[in-house]
Amino acid sequence: MDHWSKKLPKDSRPEVVGWCRTQPSLNAAWRSCARGDWMLWLVWRLARTLVARQRAALANCLVARSVLHLAAFGEERPRLAIEAVEAWARGEVDLSVVRSAASASAASAASAASAYAYADAARDHSLAKSADLVRQVFSRPPRLVSR
């Protein structure tokens, strides 16, 4: 019988797959994973419906909010981008609003002298907490289907 990880999407990240092969089941992997980025990657690959994508977006927003304090003092564009995604996930705005807010947020990060330091700090901080945040939105793993 094939290991459950053989059903992972074709564009699987090798480090994620390698770790998954050490786990007896998808449910066990979901419970023990300490990498929210890996969990979000899987959720986005398996989100087949608009509702699933909206939930995935909300999980991303939770993770992003957890590092929002790392943005430059007075810089509101990252928060506004998160709020735009949350509004889209609730069905209140269309994707053009999200794209506009994301562009403004990216421009603020690109113009900041500490953009790379912010990104590294955000990544380190979010990896420590993001898995639990993802599990707040997705208490169970998405369903895998055969390739």
C-alpha atoms as a PDB file:
ATOM      1  CA  MET A   1       0.000   0.000   0.000  1.00  0.00           C
ATOM      2  CA  ASP A   2       1.313   3.427  -0.956  1.00  0.00           C
ATOM      3  CA  HIS A   3       2.120   5.967   1.722  1.00  0.00           C
ATOM      4  CA  TRP A   4      -0.462   8.755   2.009  1.00  0.00           C
ATOM      5  CA  SER A   5       2.162  11.329   0.983  1.00  0.00           C
ATOM      6  CA  LYS A   6       2.127   9.888  -2.565  1.00  0.00           C
ATOM      7  CA  LYS A   7      -1.177  11.728  -3.013  1.00  0.00           C
ATOM      8  CA  LEU A   8       0.353  15.166  -2.399  1.00  0.00           C
ATOM      9  CA  PRO A   9       0.027  17.661  -5.275  1.00  0.00           C
ATOM     10  CA  LYS A  10       2.470  17.285  -8.163  1.00  0.00           C
ATOM     11  CA  ASP A  11       4.169  20.611  -7.390  1.00  0.00           C
ATOM     12  CA  SER A  12       5.062  19.366  -3.922  1.00  0.00           C
ATOM     13  CA  ARG A  13       7.946  20.997  -2.118  1.00  0.00           C
ATOM     14  CA  PRO A  14      10.631  18.327  -1.507  1.00  0.00           C
ATOM     15  CA  GLU A  15      11.241  19.358   2.116  1.00  0.00           C
ATOM     16  CA  VAL A  16       7.533  19.097   2.886  1.00  0.00           C
ATOM     17  CA  VAL A  17       7.213  15.707   1.208  1.00  0.00           C
ATOM     18  CA  GLY A  18      10.298  14.414   3.001  1.00  0.00           C
ATOM     19  CA  TRP A  19       8.821  15.354   6.347  1.00  0.00           C
ATOM     20  CA  CYS A  20       5.416  13.958   5.417  1.00  0.00           C
ATOM     21  CA  ARG A  21       6.998  10.592   4.670  1.00  0.00           C
ATOM     22  CA  THR A  22       7.977  10.386   8.339  1.00  0.00           C
ATOM     23  CA  GLN A  23       4.352  10.758   9.429  1.00  0.00           C
ATOM     24  CA  PRO A  24       2.010   7.761   9.688  1.00  0.00           C
ATOM     25  CA  SER A  25      -1.047   9.640   8.377  1.00  0.00           C
ATOM     26  CA  LEU A  26      -2.204  13.009   7.116  1.00  0.00           C
ATOM     27  CA  ASN A  27      -4.102  13.563  10.362  1.00  0.00           C
ATOM     28  CA  ALA A  28      -0.997  12.810  12.430  1.00  0.00           C
ATOM     29  CA  ALA A  29       1.049  15.141  10.240  1.00  0.00           C
ATOM     30  CA  TRP A  30      -1.552  17.900  10.577  1.00  0.00           C
ATOM     31  CA  ARG A  31      -1.595  17.601  14.370  1.00  0.00           C
ATOM     32  CA  SER A  32       2.184  17.590  14.769  1.00  0.00           C
ATOM     33  CA  CYS A  33       3.328  19.993  12.051  1.00  0.00           C
ATOM     34  CA  ALA A  34       5.230  22.959  13.453  1.00  0.00           C
ATOM     35  CA  ARG A  35       5.433  24.781  10.123  1.00  0.00           C
ATOM     36  CA  GLY A  36       2.426  26.895   9.273  1.00  0.00           C
ATOM     37  CA  ASP A  37       3.957  27.735   5.898  1.00  0.00           C
ATOM     38  CA  TRP A  38       3.879  24.041   4.961  1.00  0.00           C
ATOM     39  CA  MET A  39       0.299  23.757   6.152  1.00  0.00           C
ATOM     40  CA  LEU A  40      -0.773  26.834   4.186  1.00  0.00           C
ATOM     41  CA  TRP A  41       0.989  25.504   1.105  1.00  0.00           C
ATOM     42  CA  LEU A  42      -1.044  22.310   1.381  1.00  0.00           C
ATOM     43  CA  VAL A  43      -4.304  24.128   2.066  1.00  0.00           C
ATOM     44  CA  TRP A  44      -3.861  26.360  -0.998  1.00  0.00           C
ATOM     45  CA  ARG A  45      -3.009  23.386  -3.224  1.00  0.00           C
ATOM     46  CA  LEU A  46      -6.110  21.507  -2.121  1.00  0.00           C
ATOM     47  CA  ALA A  47      -8.578  24.412  -1.904  1.00  0.00           C
ATOM     48  CA  ARG A  48     -10.970  23.558  -4.725  1.00  0.00           C
ATOM     49  CA  THR A  49     -13.951  25.731  -3.873  1.00  0.00           C
ATOM     50  CA  LEU A  50     -14.404  29.437  -3.280  1.00  0.00           C
ATOM     51  CA  VAL A  51     -15.305  28.735   0.349  1.00  0.00           C
ATOM     52  CA  ALA A  52     -12.103  26.734   0.839  1.00  0.00           C
ATOM     53  CA  ARG A  53     -10.056  29.537  -0.733  1.00  0.00           C
ATOM     54  CA  GLN A  54     -11.745  32.094   1.504  1.00  0.00           C
ATOM     55  CA  ARG A  55     -10.891  29.996   4.565  1.00  0.00           C
ATOM     56  CA  ALA A  56      -7.309  29.648   3.327  1.00  0.00           C
ATOM     57  CA  ALA A  57      -7.135  33.430   2.917  1.00  0.00           C
ATOM     58  CA  LEU A  58      -8.379  33.902   6.483  1.00  0.00           C
ATOM     59  CA  ALA A  59      -5.704  31.517   7.745  1.00  0.00           C
ATOM     60  CA  ASN A  60      -3.093  33.543   5.855  1.00  0.00           C
ATOM     61  CA  CYS A  61      -4.468  36.717   7.430  1.00  0.00           C
ATOM     62  CA  LEU A  62      -4.149  35.264  10.930  1.00  0.00           C
ATOM     63  CA  VAL A  63      -0.498  34.497  10.256  1.00  0.00           C
ATOM     64  CA  ALA A  64       0.102  37.930   8.722  1.00  0.00           C
ATOM     65  CA  ARG A  65      -1.549  39.663  11.683  1.00  0.00           C
ATOM     66  CA  SER A  66       0.758  37.795  14.044  1.00  0.00           C
ATOM     67  CA  VAL A  67       3.742  39.665  12.565  1.00  0.00           C
ATOM     68  CA  LEU A  68       2.052  42.975  11.836  1.00  0.00           C
ATOM     69  CA  HIS A  69       3.783  44.512  14.858  1.00  0.00           C
ATOM     70  CA  LEU A  70       7.060  44.175  12.913  1.00  0.00           C
ATOM     71  CA  ALA A  71       5.962  46.749  10.334  1.00  0.00           C
ATOM     72  CA  ALA A  72       7.468  50.203  10.591  1.00  0.00           C
ATOM     73  CA  PHE A  73       5.770  52.444  13.139  1.00  0.00           C
ATOM     74  CA  GLY A  74       2.908  54.312  11.495  1.00  0.00           C
ATOM     75  CA  GLU A  75       2.948  52.151   8.367  1.00  0.00           C
ATOM     76  CA  GLU A  76      -0.681  51.198   7.772  1.00  0.00           C
ATOM     77  CA  ARG A  77      -0.531  49.639   4.297  1.00  0.00           C
ATOM     78  CA  PRO A  78       0.202  46.065   5.449  1.00  0.00           C
ATOM     79  CA  ARG A  79      -2.752  46.201   7.860  1.00  0.00           C
ATOM     80  CA  LEU A  80      -4.984  47.624   5.148  1.00  0.00           C
ATOM     81  CA  ALA A  81      -3.945  44.812   2.789  1.00  0.00           C
ATOM     82  CA  ILE A  82      -4.823  42.216   5.435  1.00  0.00           C
ATOM     83  CA  GLU A  83      -8.187  43.890   6.018  1.00  0.00           C
ATOM     84  CA  ALA A  84      -8.876  43.869   2.267  1.00  0.00           C
ATOM     85  CA  VAL A  85      -8.206  40.115   2.084  1.00  0.00           C
ATOM     86  CA  GLU A  86     -10.427  39.524   5.108  1.00  0.00           C
ATOM     87  CA  ALA A  87     -13.206  41.561   3.471  1.00  0.00           C
ATOM     88  CA  TRP A  88     -12.822  39.475   0.289  1.00  0.00           C
ATOM     89  CA  ALA A  89     -13.011  36.278   2.337  1.00  0.00           C
ATOM     90  CA  ARG A  90     -16.288  37.503   3.817  1.00  0.00           C
ATOM     91  CA  GLY A  91     -17.625  38.284   0.338  1.00  0.00           C
ATOM     92  CA  GLU A  92     -17.698  42.057   0.930  1.00  0.00           C
ATOM     93  CA  VAL A  93     -15.303  43.156  -1.835  1.00  0.00           C
ATOM     94  CA  ASP A  94     -13.978  41.735  -5.079  1.00  0.00           C
ATOM     95  CA  LEU A  95     -10.389  40.790  -5.865  1.00  0.00           C
ATOM     96  CA  SER A  96      -9.608  44.166  -7.457  1.00  0.00           C
ATOM     97  CA  VAL A  97      -9.742  45.746  -3.985  1.00  0.00           C
ATOM     98  CA  VAL A  98      -7.360  43.090  -2.664  1.00  0.00           C
ATOM     99  CA  ARG A  99      -4.960  43.587  -5.597  1.00  0.00           C
ATOM    100  CA  SER A 100      -4.905  47.343  -5.054  1.00  0.00           C
ATOM    101  CA  ALA A 101      -4.232  47.007  -1.321  1.00  0.00           C
ATOM    102  CA  ALA A 102      -1.575  44.359  -1.933  1.00  0.00           C
ATOM    103  CA  SER A 103       0.202  46.590  -4.455  1.00  0.00           C
ATOM    104  CA  ALA A 104       0.234  49.478  -2.003  1.00  0.00           C
ATOM    105  CA  SER A 105       1.538  47.219   0.758  1.00  0.00           C
ATOM    106  CA  ALA A 106       4.258  45.802  -1.485  1.00  0.00           C
ATOM    107  CA  ALA A 107       5.276  49.327  -2.465  1.00  0.00           C
ATOM    108  CA  SER A 108       5.619  50.287   1.196  1.00  0.00           C
ATOM    109  CA  ALA A 109       7.830  47.264   1.870  1.00  0.00           C
ATOM    110  CA  ALA A 110       9.922  47.859  -1.251  1.00  0.00           C
ATOM    111  CA  SER A 111      10.602  51.450  -0.289  1.00  0.00           C
ATOM    112  CA  ALA A 112      11.549  50.669   3.304  1.00  0.00           C
ATOM    113  CA  ALA A 113      15.255  50.334   4.032  1.00  0.00           C
ATOM    114  CA  SER A 114      14.578  47.437   6.377  1.00  0.00           C
ATOM    115  CA  ALA A 115      12.334  45.423   4.055  1.00  0.00           C
ATOM    116  CA  TYR A 116      14.587  42.360   4.046  1.00  0.00           C
ATOM    117  CA  ALA A 117      15.120  42.463   7.807  1.00  0.00           C
ATOM    118  CA  TYR A 118      11.352  42.754   8.276  1.00  0.00           C
ATOM    119  CA  ALA A 119      10.724  39.776   5.995  1.00  0.00           C
ATOM    120  CA  ASP A 120      13.280  37.606   7.818  1.00  0.00           C
ATOM    121  CA  ALA A 121      11.941  38.547  11.241  1.00  0.00           C
ATOM    122  CA  ALA A 122       8.365  37.964  10.096  1.00  0.00           C
ATOM    123  CA  ARG A 123       9.269  34.534   8.713  1.00  0.00           C
ATOM    124  CA  ASP A 124      11.074  33.442  11.879  1.00  0.00           C
ATOM    125  CA  HIS A 125       8.288  34.707  14.115  1.00  0.00           C
ATOM    126  CA  SER A 126       5.501  33.287  12.006  1.00  0.00           C
ATOM    127  CA  LEU A 127       7.038  29.830  11.735  1.00  0.00           C
ATOM    128  CA  ALA A 128       7.014  29.638  15.515  1.00  0.00           C
ATOM    129  CA  LYS A 129       3.284  30.430  15.737  1.00  0.00           C
ATOM    130  CA  SER A 130       1.708  29.978  12.345  1.00  0.00           C
ATOM    131  CA  ALA A 131       0.955  26.249  12.557  1.00  0.00           C
ATOM    132  CA  ASP A 132      -1.383  26.804  15.495  1.00  0.00           C
ATOM    133  CA  LEU A 133      -2.975  29.764  13.726  1.00  0.00           C
ATOM    134  CA  VAL A 134      -3.659  27.649  10.643  1.00  0.00           C
ATOM    135  CA  ARG A 135      -5.205  24.961  12.863  1.00  0.00           C
ATOM    136  CA  GLN A 136      -7.583  27.613  14.268  1.00  0.00           C
ATOM    137  CA  VAL A 137      -9.121  27.892  10.807  1.00  0.00           C
ATOM    138  CA  PHE A 138      -8.575  24.299   9.640  1.00  0.00           C
ATOM    139  CA  SER A 139      -8.945  21.990  12.631  1.00  0.00           C
ATOM    140  CA  ARG A 140      -8.580  19.028  10.275  1.00  0.00           C
ATOM    141  CA  PRO A 141      -6.390  18.668   7.207  1.00  0.00           C
ATOM    142  CA  PRO A 142      -7.858  19.158   3.752  1.00  0.00           C
ATOM    143  CA  ARG A 143      -8.846  15.967   1.976  1.00  0.00           C
ATOM    144  CA  LEU A 144      -6.252  14.450  -0.306  1.00  0.00           C
ATOM    145  CA  VAL A 145      -7.397  13.003  -3.595  1.00  0.00           C
ATOM    146  CA  SER A 146      -5.514  10.616  -5.805  1.00  0.00           C
ATOM    147  CA  ARG A 147      -3.459  12.197  -8.568  1.00  0.00           C
END
